Amino acid sequence: MNDQELQGMLMSVLPTPTYLFGAILFGIIGFVAYRFGKKTERNKTKWLGVVMMLYPYVTGSDTRLLYAVGIILCVAIYFYRHE
């Protein structure tokens, strides 16, 4: 196996930098939402924060799905923060 074949295999397995940035960003937003929900005793916000921290592990390496679900969860947290 030459270097080009090895690099091609690694690139098909490793996530892109855009995916990593999104996973970290949405994980931080989820952590902040979890802390806010816990502090203010808002269960929906708290559990949405937990889901937001964990969903990148389920999406695989599909960047578009990561961002679509992340934006939907951010909108849900925004609307549930006052309940």
Protein backbone atom coordinates (compact mmCIF):
# COMPACT_ATOMS: atom_id res chain seq x y z
CA MET A 1 0.00 0.00 0.00
CA ASN A 2 1.49 3.32 -1.01
CA ASP A 3 1.14 6.69 0.69
CA GLN A 4 -1.63 7.95 -1.58
CA GLU A 5 -3.84 4.93 -0.90
CA LEU A 6 -3.26 5.27 2.84
CA GLN A 7 -4.06 8.98 2.75
CA GLY A 8 -7.23 8.30 0.74
CA MET A 9 -8.38 5.72 3.31
CA LEU A 10 -7.72 8.09 6.21
CA MET A 11 -9.55 10.95 4.54
CA SER A 12 -12.63 8.77 4.07
CA VAL A 13 -12.65 7.85 7.78
CA LEU A 14 -11.65 11.11 9.47
CA PRO A 15 -14.20 13.93 9.87
CA THR A 16 -13.66 17.22 8.08
CA PRO A 17 -12.56 20.35 9.96
CA THR A 18 -16.01 21.85 9.31
CA TYR A 19 -17.63 18.88 11.03
CA LEU A 20 -15.26 19.12 14.01
CA PHE A 21 -15.92 22.86 14.37
CA GLY A 22 -19.69 22.28 14.30
CA ALA A 23 -19.52 19.42 16.80
CA ILE A 24 -17.49 21.55 19.23
CA LEU A 25 -19.68 24.62 18.71
CA PHE A 26 -22.97 22.79 19.24
CA GLY A 27 -21.48 20.88 22.18
CA ILE A 28 -20.58 24.16 23.90
CA ILE A 29 -24.02 25.62 23.17
CA GLY A 30 -25.59 22.43 24.57
CA PHE A 31 -23.49 22.66 27.73
CA VAL A 32 -24.53 26.29 28.27
CA ALA A 33 -28.19 25.37 27.70
CA TYR A 34 -27.87 22.46 30.15
CA ARG A 35 -26.35 24.70 32.84
CA PHE A 36 -29.00 27.38 32.25
CA GLY A 37 -31.83 24.83 32.43
CA LYS A 38 -30.41 23.28 35.58
CA LYS A 39 -29.88 26.64 37.27
CA THR A 40 -33.36 27.94 36.44
CA GLU A 41 -35.08 24.55 36.87
CA ARG A 42 -36.34 24.41 33.29
CA ASN A 43 -36.39 20.73 32.40
CA LYS A 44 -37.04 21.12 28.66
CA THR A 45 -34.06 23.43 28.26
CA LYS A 46 -31.87 21.17 30.37
CA TRP A 47 -32.71 18.03 28.37
CA LEU A 48 -32.41 19.83 25.04
CA GLY A 49 -28.92 20.82 26.16
CA VAL A 50 -28.09 17.18 26.89
CA VAL A 51 -29.39 16.13 23.47
CA MET A 52 -27.39 18.89 21.84
CA MET A 53 -24.19 17.73 23.52
CA LEU A 54 -24.67 14.10 22.47
CA TYR A 55 -26.23 14.18 18.99
CA PRO A 56 -22.94 14.67 17.06
CA TYR A 57 -22.04 11.10 18.01
CA VAL A 58 -25.19 9.85 16.25
CA THR A 59 -24.94 11.84 13.02
CA GLY A 60 -21.81 10.06 11.83
CA SER A 61 -19.70 12.22 9.53
CA ASP A 62 -22.53 13.92 7.64
CA THR A 63 -21.77 17.62 8.05
CA ARG A 64 -25.05 18.86 6.58
CA LEU A 65 -27.05 16.71 8.99
CA LEU A 66 -24.94 17.94 11.92
CA TYR A 67 -25.64 21.59 11.11
CA ALA A 68 -29.32 21.04 10.28
CA VAL A 69 -30.06 19.25 13.56
CA GLY A 70 -27.90 21.73 15.48
CA ILE A 71 -29.80 24.72 14.13
CA ILE A 72 -33.15 23.06 14.86
CA LEU A 73 -32.07 22.32 18.44
CA CYS A 74 -30.81 25.91 18.87
CA VAL A 75 -34.19 27.24 17.74
CA ALA A 76 -35.97 24.84 20.15
CA ILE A 77 -33.78 25.98 23.05
CA TYR A 78 -34.46 29.61 22.13
CA PHE A 79 -38.23 29.09 22.29
CA TYR A 80 -38.21 26.90 25.43
CA ARG A 81 -35.92 29.17 27.48
CA HIS A 82 -38.86 31.18 28.86
CA GLU A 83 -41.15 28.31 29.85
